[in-house]
Amino acid sequence: MDNNNTIAGWVLAGGIAALGFSILSGKYFHADKNERPETMGYVIEGVESSDGGKEEMPMSMMLAKSDVAAGEAVFKKCIACHTINEGGANGIGPNLYNSLGKPHGNVAGFAYSDALSSVAGNWNFDNMNAWLISPRKYAPGTKMTFAGLSKPEDRANVIAYMNAQGSNLPFPEPPAEEAPAEGEAVAEAEADAAATEVAEETVAADEAAAAE
């Protein structure tokens, strides 16, 4: 009987020791390790999220602020492969003079990839912007190896420069700014009236003080 009690006691003690060791080892191996929460608490300004990234300003608004001279500077990244003067020769890439408003794969004598020449429609400001973001995403299978331009202002400037080289298409109208709601307009008018009243009272008080 005593032997049985002794064995049971040792078994119980061993189980307690194993449980304690498991808890301690778990705490040790997870110490100082920050775990990413399933749902992020807040978004850091300027950092792209995994569900679509930072929303860009419409290209029509970017073009309204574009700079052709700055676009010419950006285009220097392209001159290793492209010319853009009227009658310029094709190089690794086609001559780009008067390219906006023309069909994809429009330059005679240049061997476009099927991926690009099969794209329907003409080059316009929006699809040129999409192409410059990532040629490989715009036309999967394209022979173009350029990685793209990440800055929206660079793309707007270079598109404006390209447009000035023979295309001269009118820029699209930027979206109209939304008018303030009726309640907001009333509040703004009341605030302006109150500010005017305070200013008038201040002037009157200054004049009265000066008269004394």
N, C-alpha and C. Protein backbone atom coordinates (compact mmCIF):
# COMPACT_ATOMS: atom_id res chain seq x y z
N MET A 1 0.83 -1.22 0.00
CA MET A 1 0.00 0.00 0.00
C MET A 1 0.86 1.25 0.00
N ASP A 2 1.93 1.23 0.86
CA ASP A 2 2.83 2.38 0.92
C ASP A 2 3.55 2.59 -0.38
N ASN A 3 3.91 1.45 -1.01
CA ASN A 3 4.62 1.57 -2.30
C ASN A 3 3.72 2.23 -3.35
N ASN A 4 2.43 1.85 -3.35
CA ASN A 4 1.51 2.44 -4.32
C ASN A 4 1.37 3.94 -4.11
N ASN A 5 1.24 4.34 -2.83
CA ASN A 5 1.14 5.76 -2.54
C ASN A 5 2.40 6.51 -2.97
N THR A 6 3.53 5.88 -2.75
CA THR A 6 4.80 6.52 -3.13
C THR A 6 4.86 6.71 -4.65
N ILE A 7 4.49 5.69 -5.40
CA ILE A 7 4.51 5.77 -6.87
C ILE A 7 3.55 6.85 -7.37
N ALA A 8 2.34 6.89 -6.79
CA ALA A 8 1.34 7.90 -7.19
C ALA A 8 1.86 9.30 -6.90
N GLY A 9 2.53 9.43 -5.77
CA GLY A 9 3.07 10.74 -5.41
C GLY A 9 4.13 11.20 -6.39
N TRP A 10 5.01 10.27 -6.79
CA TRP A 10 6.04 10.63 -7.76
C TRP A 10 5.44 10.98 -9.12
N VAL A 11 4.43 10.24 -9.53
CA VAL A 11 3.77 10.54 -10.82
C VAL A 11 3.15 11.92 -10.78
N LEU A 12 2.44 12.24 -9.68
CA LEU A 12 1.81 13.55 -9.54
C LEU A 12 2.85 14.65 -9.54
N ALA A 13 3.93 14.45 -8.80
CA ALA A 13 4.99 15.45 -8.73
C ALA A 13 5.62 15.67 -10.11
N GLY A 14 5.81 14.56 -10.86
CA GLY A 14 6.40 14.68 -12.20
C GLY A 14 5.50 15.47 -13.15
N GLY A 15 4.18 15.23 -13.03
CA GLY A 15 3.25 15.97 -13.89
C GLY A 15 3.26 17.44 -13.59
N ILE A 16 3.28 17.79 -12.30
CA ILE A 16 3.32 19.21 -11.91
C ILE A 16 4.61 19.86 -12.41
N ALA A 17 5.72 19.15 -12.30
CA ALA A 17 7.01 19.69 -12.76
C ALA A 17 6.99 19.92 -14.27
N ALA A 18 6.42 18.97 -15.04
CA ALA A 18 6.37 19.10 -16.50
C ALA A 18 5.51 20.28 -16.91
N LEU A 19 4.37 20.47 -16.23
CA LEU A 19 3.49 21.60 -16.52
C LEU A 19 4.19 22.91 -16.25
N GLY A 20 4.88 22.99 -15.12
CA GLY A 20 5.60 24.22 -14.79
C GLY A 20 6.69 24.52 -15.77
N PHE A 21 7.41 23.51 -16.22
CA PHE A 21 8.48 23.70 -17.20
C PHE A 21 7.92 24.20 -18.52
N SER A 22 6.75 23.65 -18.92
CA SER A 22 6.12 24.07 -20.17
C SER A 22 5.74 25.54 -20.14
N ILE A 23 5.17 26.00 -19.02
CA ILE A 23 4.77 27.41 -18.88
C ILE A 23 5.99 28.32 -18.93
N LEU A 24 7.03 27.97 -18.18
CA LEU A 24 8.23 28.79 -18.12
C LEU A 24 8.92 28.87 -19.48
N SER A 25 9.01 27.73 -20.19
CA SER A 25 9.68 27.74 -21.49
C SER A 25 8.89 28.57 -22.50
N GLY A 26 7.56 28.52 -22.43
CA GLY A 26 6.73 29.32 -23.33
C GLY A 26 6.97 30.80 -23.13
N LYS A 27 7.03 31.22 -21.88
CA LYS A 27 7.28 32.64 -21.59
C LYS A 27 8.67 33.05 -22.05
N TYR A 28 9.66 32.14 -21.90
CA TYR A 28 11.03 32.48 -22.27
C TYR A 28 11.15 32.67 -23.78
N PHE A 29 10.60 31.74 -24.54
CA PHE A 29 10.79 31.79 -25.99
C PHE A 29 9.94 32.86 -26.67
N HIS A 30 8.94 33.39 -25.99
CA HIS A 30 8.12 34.46 -26.56
C HIS A 30 8.46 35.82 -25.98
N ALA A 31 9.44 35.87 -25.11
CA ALA A 31 9.80 37.15 -24.50
C ALA A 31 10.36 38.08 -25.55
N ASP A 32 10.03 39.38 -25.43
CA ASP A 32 10.56 40.44 -26.30
C ASP A 32 10.18 40.26 -27.76
N LYS A 33 9.14 39.45 -28.04
CA LYS A 33 8.71 39.27 -29.42
C LYS A 33 7.33 39.90 -29.58
N ASN A 34 7.31 41.02 -30.36
CA ASN A 34 6.04 41.70 -30.58
C ASN A 34 5.24 40.96 -31.64
N GLU A 35 4.03 40.64 -31.32
CA GLU A 35 3.18 39.94 -32.27
C GLU A 35 2.25 40.93 -32.96
N ARG A 36 2.14 40.81 -34.30
CA ARG A 36 1.28 41.70 -35.08
C ARG A 36 -0.18 41.38 -34.76
N PRO A 37 -0.96 42.38 -34.34
CA PRO A 37 -2.38 42.12 -34.05
C PRO A 37 -3.13 41.76 -35.32
N GLU A 38 -4.21 41.03 -35.14
CA GLU A 38 -5.00 40.62 -36.30
C GLU A 38 -5.57 41.83 -37.02
N THR A 39 -5.99 42.85 -36.29
CA THR A 39 -6.49 44.08 -36.88
C THR A 39 -5.64 45.23 -36.40
N MET A 40 -5.07 46.00 -37.35
CA MET A 40 -4.21 47.13 -36.99
C MET A 40 -5.04 48.22 -36.33
N GLY A 41 -4.48 48.86 -35.31
CA GLY A 41 -5.25 49.85 -34.55
C GLY A 41 -5.42 51.16 -35.27
N TYR A 42 -4.41 51.58 -36.06
CA TYR A 42 -4.50 52.86 -36.75
C TYR A 42 -3.60 52.83 -37.97
N VAL A 43 -3.81 53.77 -38.88
CA VAL A 43 -3.03 53.85 -40.11
C VAL A 43 -2.01 54.97 -39.96
N ILE A 44 -0.76 54.69 -40.31
CA ILE A 44 0.28 55.70 -40.25
C ILE A 44 0.20 56.55 -41.51
N GLU A 45 0.21 57.87 -41.34
CA GLU A 45 0.08 58.79 -42.46
C GLU A 45 1.18 58.57 -43.47
N GLY A 46 0.82 58.43 -44.76
CA GLY A 46 1.81 58.31 -45.81
C GLY A 46 2.29 56.90 -46.08
N VAL A 47 1.88 55.93 -45.29
CA VAL A 47 2.30 54.55 -45.48
C VAL A 47 1.18 53.79 -46.16
N GLU A 48 1.53 53.11 -47.24
CA GLU A 48 0.51 52.40 -47.99
C GLU A 48 0.01 51.20 -47.21
N SER A 49 -1.29 51.00 -47.25
CA SER A 49 -1.88 49.86 -46.57
C SER A 49 -1.94 48.69 -47.54
N SER A 50 -2.26 47.52 -47.01
CA SER A 50 -2.28 46.32 -47.85
C SER A 50 -3.58 46.18 -48.62
N ASP A 51 -4.54 47.08 -48.40
CA ASP A 51 -5.84 46.92 -49.04
C ASP A 51 -6.10 48.00 -50.08
N GLY A 52 -5.04 48.36 -50.84
CA GLY A 52 -5.29 49.28 -51.94
C GLY A 52 -4.35 50.46 -51.95
N GLY A 53 -3.72 50.80 -50.82
CA GLY A 53 -2.73 51.86 -50.80
C GLY A 53 -3.35 53.24 -50.74
N LYS A 54 -2.47 54.20 -50.86
CA LYS A 54 -2.86 55.59 -50.74
C LYS A 54 -3.56 56.06 -52.02
N GLU A 55 -4.67 56.72 -51.88
CA GLU A 55 -5.43 57.17 -53.04
C GLU A 55 -4.73 58.37 -53.67
N GLU A 56 -4.60 58.35 -55.00
CA GLU A 56 -3.93 59.43 -55.71
C GLU A 56 -4.93 60.48 -56.16
N MET A 57 -4.40 61.70 -56.36
CA MET A 57 -5.18 62.78 -56.93
C MET A 57 -5.49 62.42 -58.39
N PRO A 58 -6.69 62.73 -58.90
CA PRO A 58 -7.01 62.44 -60.30
C PRO A 58 -5.99 63.09 -61.24
N MET A 59 -5.66 62.40 -62.34
CA MET A 59 -4.68 62.92 -63.28
C MET A 59 -5.11 64.27 -63.85
N SER A 60 -6.40 64.51 -64.00
CA SER A 60 -6.86 65.81 -64.51
C SER A 60 -6.42 66.94 -63.60
N MET A 61 -6.44 66.71 -62.28
CA MET A 61 -5.98 67.73 -61.33
C MET A 61 -4.47 67.87 -61.36
N MET A 62 -3.77 66.75 -61.53
CA MET A 62 -2.32 66.80 -61.62
C MET A 62 -1.87 67.55 -62.87
N LEU A 63 -2.55 67.30 -63.98
CA LEU A 63 -2.19 67.97 -65.24
C LEU A 63 -2.42 69.48 -65.16
N ALA A 64 -3.46 69.88 -64.40
CA ALA A 64 -3.74 71.31 -64.25
C ALA A 64 -2.58 72.04 -63.57
N LYS A 65 -1.79 71.31 -62.79
CA LYS A 65 -0.65 71.89 -62.08
C LYS A 65 0.68 71.47 -62.69
N SER A 66 0.65 70.82 -63.86
CA SER A 66 1.87 70.24 -64.43
C SER A 66 2.81 71.30 -64.98
N ASP A 67 4.06 70.89 -65.16
CA ASP A 67 5.12 71.79 -65.63
C ASP A 67 5.82 71.10 -66.79
N VAL A 68 5.68 71.65 -67.99
CA VAL A 68 6.25 71.04 -69.19
C VAL A 68 7.77 70.98 -69.10
N ALA A 69 8.40 72.06 -68.59
CA ALA A 69 9.86 72.07 -68.47
C ALA A 69 10.34 70.98 -67.52
N ALA A 70 9.61 70.78 -66.42
CA ALA A 70 9.95 69.71 -65.48
C ALA A 70 9.75 68.35 -66.14
N GLY A 71 8.73 68.26 -66.99
CA GLY A 71 8.48 67.01 -67.71
C GLY A 71 9.60 66.68 -68.69
N GLU A 72 10.16 67.71 -69.30
CA GLU A 72 11.29 67.49 -70.22
C GLU A 72 12.48 66.90 -69.46
N ALA A 73 12.68 67.38 -68.22
CA ALA A 73 13.76 66.84 -67.38
C ALA A 73 13.49 65.38 -67.03
N VAL A 74 12.23 65.06 -66.72
CA VAL A 74 11.88 63.67 -66.39
C VAL A 74 12.07 62.78 -67.61
N PHE A 75 11.78 63.32 -68.80
CA PHE A 75 11.88 62.53 -70.03
C PHE A 75 13.31 62.09 -70.32
N LYS A 76 14.29 62.72 -69.69
CA LYS A 76 15.68 62.32 -69.90
C LYS A 76 15.91 60.88 -69.46
N LYS A 77 15.02 60.37 -68.60
CA LYS A 77 15.11 58.96 -68.21
C LYS A 77 14.73 58.04 -69.36
N CYS A 78 14.08 58.61 -70.38
CA CYS A 78 13.54 57.80 -71.48
C CYS A 78 14.41 57.84 -72.74
N ILE A 79 15.36 58.80 -72.80
CA ILE A 79 16.05 59.03 -74.08
C ILE A 79 17.01 57.91 -74.46
N ALA A 80 17.31 57.01 -73.51
CA ALA A 80 18.15 55.87 -73.88
C ALA A 80 17.43 54.95 -74.87
N CYS A 81 16.10 55.01 -74.84
CA CYS A 81 15.31 54.11 -75.70
C CYS A 81 14.43 54.84 -76.71
N HIS A 82 14.07 56.10 -76.43
CA HIS A 82 13.08 56.80 -77.26
C HIS A 82 13.59 58.15 -77.75
N THR A 83 13.16 58.52 -78.96
CA THR A 83 13.24 59.90 -79.42
C THR A 83 11.82 60.47 -79.37
N ILE A 84 11.73 61.80 -79.39
CA ILE A 84 10.39 62.40 -79.34
C ILE A 84 10.27 63.58 -80.30
N ASN A 85 11.30 63.80 -81.11
CA ASN A 85 11.23 64.87 -82.10
C ASN A 85 10.49 64.39 -83.35
N GLU A 86 9.91 65.35 -84.10
CA GLU A 86 9.17 65.00 -85.30
C GLU A 86 10.10 64.33 -86.31
N GLY A 87 9.69 63.18 -86.78
CA GLY A 87 10.51 62.44 -87.75
C GLY A 87 11.67 61.71 -87.14
N GLY A 88 11.75 61.68 -85.81
CA GLY A 88 12.86 61.01 -85.14
C GLY A 88 12.85 59.51 -85.38
N ALA A 89 14.04 58.93 -85.31
CA ALA A 89 14.18 57.51 -85.59
C ALA A 89 13.70 56.67 -84.41
N ASN A 90 13.27 55.47 -84.71
CA ASN A 90 12.98 54.51 -83.65
C ASN A 90 14.29 53.99 -83.08
N GLY A 91 14.27 53.69 -81.81
CA GLY A 91 15.44 53.10 -81.17
C GLY A 91 15.05 51.76 -80.59
N ILE A 92 15.48 51.52 -79.36
CA ILE A 92 15.01 50.33 -78.66
C ILE A 92 13.49 50.40 -78.51
N GLY A 93 12.98 51.64 -78.31
CA GLY A 93 11.55 51.90 -78.28
C GLY A 93 11.17 52.80 -79.44
N PRO A 94 9.87 52.96 -79.71
CA PRO A 94 9.43 53.77 -80.85
C PRO A 94 9.60 55.26 -80.60
N ASN A 95 9.64 56.01 -81.69
CA ASN A 95 9.60 57.47 -81.58
C ASN A 95 8.25 57.87 -80.98
N LEU A 96 8.27 58.82 -80.06
CA LEU A 96 7.06 59.16 -79.30
C LEU A 96 6.44 60.49 -79.71
N TYR A 97 6.88 61.08 -80.81
CA TYR A 97 6.29 62.34 -81.24
C TYR A 97 4.82 62.12 -81.62
N ASN A 98 3.97 63.02 -81.14
CA ASN A 98 2.54 62.98 -81.47
C ASN A 98 1.91 61.63 -81.12
N SER A 99 2.28 61.10 -79.95
CA SER A 99 1.80 59.76 -79.58
C SER A 99 0.45 59.78 -78.86
N LEU A 100 0.17 60.84 -78.10
CA LEU A 100 -1.11 60.91 -77.40
C LEU A 100 -2.24 61.12 -78.41
N GLY A 101 -3.31 60.38 -78.22
CA GLY A 101 -4.43 60.43 -79.15
C GLY A 101 -4.31 59.43 -80.27
N LYS A 102 -3.18 58.73 -80.34
CA LYS A 102 -2.97 57.73 -81.38
C LYS A 102 -3.17 56.32 -80.81
N PRO A 103 -3.45 55.34 -81.69
CA PRO A 103 -3.66 53.97 -81.20
C PRO A 103 -2.39 53.41 -80.57
N HIS A 104 -2.57 52.44 -79.70
CA HIS A 104 -1.43 51.70 -79.17
C HIS A 104 -0.72 51.02 -80.34
N GLY A 105 0.59 51.10 -80.37
CA GLY A 105 1.34 50.46 -81.46
C GLY A 105 1.14 51.15 -82.78
N ASN A 106 1.19 52.50 -82.78
CA ASN A 106 0.85 53.26 -84.00
C ASN A 106 2.04 53.59 -84.89
N VAL A 107 3.27 53.45 -84.40
CA VAL A 107 4.43 53.89 -85.18
C VAL A 107 4.79 52.82 -86.21
N ALA A 108 4.71 53.20 -87.47
CA ALA A 108 4.99 52.25 -88.55
C ALA A 108 6.45 51.81 -88.51
N GLY A 109 6.65 50.55 -88.73
CA GLY A 109 8.00 50.03 -88.82
C GLY A 109 8.59 49.59 -87.50
N PHE A 110 7.89 49.85 -86.39
CA PHE A 110 8.42 49.40 -85.11
C PHE A 110 7.75 48.09 -84.72
N ALA A 111 8.58 47.15 -84.25
CA ALA A 111 8.07 45.81 -83.89
C ALA A 111 7.57 45.81 -82.45
N TYR A 112 6.31 46.19 -82.27
CA TYR A 112 5.70 46.17 -80.94
C TYR A 112 5.44 44.73 -80.50
N SER A 113 5.40 44.55 -79.19
CA SER A 113 4.98 43.26 -78.66
C SER A 113 3.48 43.11 -78.89
N ASP A 114 3.03 41.87 -79.02
CA ASP A 114 1.58 41.63 -79.16
C ASP A 114 0.85 42.14 -77.92
N ALA A 115 1.52 42.09 -76.76
CA ALA A 115 0.89 42.52 -75.51
C ALA A 115 0.45 43.97 -75.58
N LEU A 116 1.25 44.83 -76.23
CA LEU A 116 0.90 46.25 -76.31
C LEU A 116 0.07 46.56 -77.55
N SER A 117 0.45 46.02 -78.68
CA SER A 117 -0.27 46.36 -79.92
C SER A 117 -1.70 45.85 -79.91
N SER A 118 -1.98 44.85 -79.06
CA SER A 118 -3.35 44.32 -79.00
C SER A 118 -4.25 45.09 -78.04
N VAL A 119 -3.68 46.07 -77.31
CA VAL A 119 -4.50 46.87 -76.41
C VAL A 119 -5.41 47.78 -77.24
N ALA A 120 -6.69 47.74 -76.98
CA ALA A 120 -7.66 48.51 -77.76
C ALA A 120 -7.64 49.98 -77.37
N GLY A 121 -8.09 50.82 -78.29
CA GLY A 121 -8.24 52.24 -77.99
C GLY A 121 -6.96 53.03 -78.24
N ASN A 122 -7.08 54.34 -78.01
CA ASN A 122 -5.97 55.26 -78.23
C ASN A 122 -5.30 55.62 -76.92
N TRP A 123 -4.07 56.08 -77.02
CA TRP A 123 -3.40 56.62 -75.84
C TRP A 123 -4.10 57.89 -75.39
N ASN A 124 -4.44 57.97 -74.12
CA ASN A 124 -4.99 59.20 -73.56
C ASN A 124 -4.26 59.49 -72.25
N PHE A 125 -4.67 60.53 -71.55
CA PHE A 125 -3.94 60.94 -70.34
C PHE A 125 -4.02 59.88 -69.24
N ASP A 126 -5.18 59.26 -69.10
CA ASP A 126 -5.34 58.29 -68.01
C ASP A 126 -4.60 56.99 -68.28
N ASN A 127 -4.72 56.46 -69.51
CA ASN A 127 -4.03 55.19 -69.74
C ASN A 127 -2.52 55.37 -69.91
N MET A 128 -2.09 56.57 -70.33
CA MET A 128 -0.65 56.84 -70.34
C MET A 128 -0.12 56.90 -68.91
N ASN A 129 -0.93 57.46 -68.02
CA ASN A 129 -0.55 57.47 -66.60
C ASN A 129 -0.43 56.04 -66.07
N ALA A 130 -1.40 55.19 -66.40
CA ALA A 130 -1.36 53.80 -65.96
C ALA A 130 -0.14 53.07 -66.53
N TRP A 131 0.18 53.36 -67.78
CA TRP A 131 1.36 52.75 -68.42
C TRP A 131 2.64 53.17 -67.70
N LEU A 132 2.72 54.46 -67.36
CA LEU A 132 3.93 54.97 -66.71
C LEU A 132 4.07 54.49 -65.27
N ILE A 133 2.94 54.16 -64.63
CA ILE A 133 3.02 53.58 -63.28
C ILE A 133 3.72 52.22 -63.36
N SER A 134 3.30 51.38 -64.29
CA SER A 134 3.91 50.07 -64.45
C SER A 134 3.58 49.50 -65.82
N PRO A 135 4.51 49.60 -66.78
CA PRO A 135 4.25 49.02 -68.11
C PRO A 135 3.88 47.54 -68.05
N ARG A 136 4.49 46.79 -67.14
CA ARG A 136 4.25 45.35 -67.09
C ARG A 136 2.85 45.03 -66.58
N LYS A 137 2.32 45.88 -65.71
CA LYS A 137 0.95 45.66 -65.25
C LYS A 137 -0.06 46.12 -66.29
N TYR A 138 0.27 47.20 -67.00
CA TYR A 138 -0.66 47.74 -68.00
C TYR A 138 -0.79 46.77 -69.18
N ALA A 139 0.33 46.22 -69.62
CA ALA A 139 0.32 45.29 -70.76
C ALA A 139 1.20 44.10 -70.41
N PRO A 140 0.68 43.13 -69.64
CA PRO A 140 1.47 41.97 -69.26
C PRO A 140 2.08 41.28 -70.47
N GLY A 141 3.40 41.09 -70.45
CA GLY A 141 4.08 40.48 -71.58
C GLY A 141 4.78 41.49 -72.47
N THR A 142 4.67 42.79 -72.14
CA THR A 142 5.33 43.82 -72.93
C THR A 142 6.85 43.63 -72.91
N LYS A 143 7.51 44.10 -73.98
CA LYS A 143 8.97 44.04 -74.03
C LYS A 143 9.61 45.21 -73.29
N MET A 144 8.80 46.17 -72.89
CA MET A 144 9.30 47.34 -72.17
C MET A 144 9.81 46.91 -70.80
N THR A 145 11.06 47.24 -70.50
CA THR A 145 11.66 46.82 -69.22
C THR A 145 11.69 47.93 -68.20
N PHE A 146 11.23 49.12 -68.55
CA PHE A 146 11.24 50.26 -67.62
C PHE A 146 10.32 49.96 -66.45
N ALA A 147 10.82 50.20 -65.23
CA ALA A 147 10.05 49.83 -64.03
C ALA A 147 8.87 50.75 -63.79
N GLY A 148 8.89 51.99 -64.28
CA GLY A 148 7.80 52.93 -64.07
C GLY A 148 8.21 54.12 -63.22
N LEU A 149 7.33 55.10 -63.16
CA LEU A 149 7.57 56.32 -62.37
C LEU A 149 6.65 56.29 -61.16
N SER A 150 7.21 56.35 -59.97
CA SER A 150 6.40 56.21 -58.76
C SER A 150 5.73 57.51 -58.34
N LYS A 151 6.32 58.67 -58.70
CA LYS A 151 5.78 59.95 -58.25
C LYS A 151 4.71 60.46 -59.22
N PRO A 152 3.48 60.73 -58.72
CA PRO A 152 2.41 61.21 -59.60
C PRO A 152 2.78 62.51 -60.31
N GLU A 153 3.50 63.41 -59.62
CA GLU A 153 3.85 64.69 -60.25
C GLU A 153 4.84 64.49 -61.39
N ASP A 154 5.73 63.49 -61.29
CA ASP A 154 6.64 63.19 -62.39
C ASP A 154 5.86 62.69 -63.60
N ARG A 155 4.88 61.83 -63.35
CA ARG A 155 4.09 61.31 -64.46
C ARG A 155 3.27 62.41 -65.12
N ALA A 156 2.68 63.29 -64.31
CA ALA A 156 1.88 64.39 -64.87
C ALA A 156 2.77 65.31 -65.69
N ASN A 157 3.95 65.62 -65.19
CA ASN A 157 4.85 66.54 -65.91
C ASN A 157 5.33 65.93 -67.22
N VAL A 158 5.70 64.66 -67.20
CA VAL A 158 6.21 64.05 -68.43
C VAL A 158 5.09 63.85 -69.44
N ILE A 159 3.87 63.58 -68.98
CA ILE A 159 2.73 63.47 -69.90
C ILE A 159 2.44 64.83 -70.54
N ALA A 160 2.52 65.89 -69.73
CA ALA A 160 2.33 67.24 -70.28
C ALA A 160 3.39 67.56 -71.32
N TYR A 161 4.62 67.15 -71.05
CA TYR A 161 5.72 67.38 -72.02
C TYR A 161 5.47 66.58 -73.29
N MET A 162 5.10 65.32 -73.15
CA MET A 162 4.82 64.49 -74.33
C MET A 162 3.67 65.07 -75.15
N ASN A 163 2.66 65.55 -74.46
CA ASN A 163 1.52 66.15 -75.15
C ASN A 163 1.93 67.37 -75.96
N ALA A 164 2.90 68.12 -75.44
CA ALA A 164 3.36 69.33 -76.12
C ALA A 164 4.21 69.01 -77.35
N GLN A 165 4.62 67.76 -77.50
CA GLN A 165 5.43 67.36 -78.65
C GLN A 165 4.54 66.77 -79.74
N GLY A 166 3.70 67.62 -80.32
CA GLY A 166 2.93 67.23 -81.49
C GLY A 166 1.48 66.85 -81.24
N SER A 167 1.15 66.41 -80.04
CA SER A 167 -0.24 65.98 -79.79
C SER A 167 -1.14 67.17 -79.49
N ASN A 168 -0.76 67.96 -78.49
CA ASN A 168 -1.47 69.19 -78.12
C ASN A 168 -2.96 68.96 -77.87
N LEU A 169 -3.27 67.89 -77.17
CA LEU A 169 -4.65 67.63 -76.80
C LEU A 169 -5.04 68.52 -75.62
N PRO A 170 -6.29 68.97 -75.56
CA PRO A 170 -6.71 69.77 -74.39
C PRO A 170 -6.73 68.90 -73.14
N PHE A 171 -6.26 69.47 -72.04
CA PHE A 171 -6.30 68.73 -70.78
C PHE A 171 -7.74 68.54 -70.33
N PRO A 172 -8.06 67.42 -69.70
CA PRO A 172 -9.42 67.23 -69.17
C PRO A 172 -9.68 68.20 -68.03
N GLU A 173 -10.95 68.57 -67.89
CA GLU A 173 -11.33 69.48 -66.82
C GLU A 173 -11.21 68.79 -65.47
N PRO A 174 -10.56 69.43 -64.49
CA PRO A 174 -10.51 68.84 -63.14
C PRO A 174 -11.91 68.77 -62.55
N PRO A 175 -12.18 67.84 -61.67
CA PRO A 175 -13.51 67.77 -61.04
C PRO A 175 -13.79 69.03 -60.25
N ALA A 176 -15.04 69.49 -60.31
CA ALA A 176 -15.42 70.70 -59.60
C ALA A 176 -15.41 70.46 -58.10
N GLU A 177 -14.99 71.47 -57.36
CA GLU A 177 -15.01 71.35 -55.91
C GLU A 177 -16.45 71.37 -55.42
N GLU A 178 -16.73 70.53 -54.45
CA GLU A 178 -18.10 70.46 -53.92
C GLU A 178 -18.42 71.72 -53.12
N ALA A 179 -19.61 72.27 -53.38
CA ALA A 179 -20.05 73.43 -52.62
C ALA A 179 -20.39 73.02 -51.20
N PRO A 180 -20.13 73.87 -50.22
CA PRO A 180 -20.46 73.50 -48.83
C PRO A 180 -21.96 73.27 -48.66
N ALA A 181 -22.31 72.40 -47.79
CA ALA A 181 -23.73 72.13 -47.51
C ALA A 181 -24.39 73.39 -46.98
N GLU A 182 -25.72 73.44 -47.09
CA GLU A 182 -26.46 74.64 -46.70
C GLU A 182 -26.17 75.04 -45.26
N GLY A 183 -26.16 74.06 -44.36
CA GLY A 183 -25.88 74.35 -42.96
C GLY A 183 -24.48 74.92 -42.76
N GLU A 184 -23.51 74.38 -43.50
CA GLU A 184 -22.14 74.87 -43.39
C GLU A 184 -22.04 76.29 -43.92
N ALA A 185 -22.75 76.58 -45.02
CA ALA A 185 -22.72 77.92 -45.59
C ALA A 185 -23.30 78.94 -44.62
N VAL A 186 -24.40 78.58 -43.95
CA VAL A 186 -25.01 79.47 -42.97
C VAL A 186 -24.06 79.71 -41.80
N ALA A 187 -23.43 78.66 -41.33
CA ALA A 187 -22.49 78.79 -40.22
C ALA A 187 -21.33 79.70 -40.59
N GLU A 188 -20.81 79.55 -41.83
CA GLU A 188 -19.71 80.40 -42.27
C GLU A 188 -20.14 81.86 -42.35
N ALA A 189 -21.35 82.10 -42.86
CA ALA A 189 -21.85 83.47 -42.97
C ALA A 189 -22.02 84.09 -41.59
N GLU A 190 -22.53 83.32 -40.62
CA GLU A 190 -22.70 83.83 -39.26
C GLU A 190 -21.36 84.13 -38.62
N ALA A 191 -20.37 83.27 -38.88
CA ALA A 191 -19.03 83.50 -38.33
C ALA A 191 -18.42 84.76 -38.91
N ASP A 192 -18.59 84.97 -40.22
CA ASP A 192 -18.07 86.18 -40.86
C ASP A 192 -18.74 87.42 -40.29
N ALA A 193 -20.07 87.36 -40.08
CA ALA A 193 -20.80 88.51 -39.54
C ALA A 193 -20.33 88.82 -38.13
N ALA A 194 -20.11 87.78 -37.33
CA ALA A 194 -19.65 87.98 -35.96
C ALA A 194 -18.27 88.59 -35.94
N ALA A 195 -17.39 88.15 -36.84
CA ALA A 195 -16.04 88.70 -36.90
C ALA A 195 -16.08 90.17 -37.30
N THR A 196 -16.96 90.51 -38.25
CA THR A 196 -17.10 91.90 -38.68
C THR A 196 -17.59 92.78 -37.53
N GLU A 197 -18.58 92.27 -36.78
CA GLU A 197 -19.13 93.02 -35.66
C GLU A 197 -18.06 93.29 -34.59
N VAL A 198 -17.27 92.29 -34.30
CA VAL A 198 -16.20 92.45 -33.30
C VAL A 198 -15.19 93.49 -33.77
N ALA A 199 -14.85 93.44 -35.08
CA ALA A 199 -13.90 94.40 -35.62
C ALA A 199 -14.43 95.82 -35.52
N GLU A 200 -15.74 96.01 -35.82
CA GLU A 200 -16.34 97.34 -35.74
C GLU A 200 -16.37 97.85 -34.30
N GLU A 201 -16.70 96.97 -33.36
CA GLU A 201 -16.73 97.36 -31.95
C GLU A 201 -15.33 97.74 -31.46
N THR A 202 -14.34 97.05 -31.94
CA THR A 202 -12.96 97.36 -31.53
C THR A 202 -12.55 98.72 -32.05
N VAL A 203 -12.89 99.02 -33.31
CA VAL A 203 -12.57 100.33 -33.87
C VAL A 203 -13.28 101.44 -33.10
N ALA A 204 -14.55 101.25 -32.77
CA ALA A 204 -15.32 102.24 -32.04
C ALA A 204 -14.71 102.47 -30.66
N ALA A 205 -14.29 101.40 -30.00
CA ALA A 205 -13.68 101.54 -28.67
C ALA A 205 -12.37 102.29 -28.74
N ASP A 206 -11.59 102.04 -29.78
CA ASP A 206 -10.32 102.75 -29.96
C ASP A 206 -10.56 104.23 -30.19
N GLU A 207 -11.57 104.55 -30.98
CA GLU A 207 -11.86 105.94 -31.27
C GLU A 207 -12.34 106.67 -30.02
N ALA A 208 -13.18 105.98 -29.20
CA ALA A 208 -13.67 106.59 -27.96
C ALA A 208 -12.51 106.84 -27.00
N ALA A 209 -11.60 105.87 -26.93
CA ALA A 209 -10.46 106.05 -26.04
C ALA A 209 -9.57 107.20 -26.49
N ALA A 210 -9.43 107.34 -27.80
CA ALA A 210 -8.60 108.43 -28.33
C ALA A 210 -9.26 109.79 -28.05
N ALA A 211 -10.62 109.86 -28.09
CA ALA A 211 -11.31 111.12 -27.87
C ALA A 211 -11.16 111.56 -26.42
N GLU A 212 -11.10 110.62 -25.48
CA GLU A 212 -10.92 110.96 -24.06
C GLU A 212 -9.54 111.50 -23.82
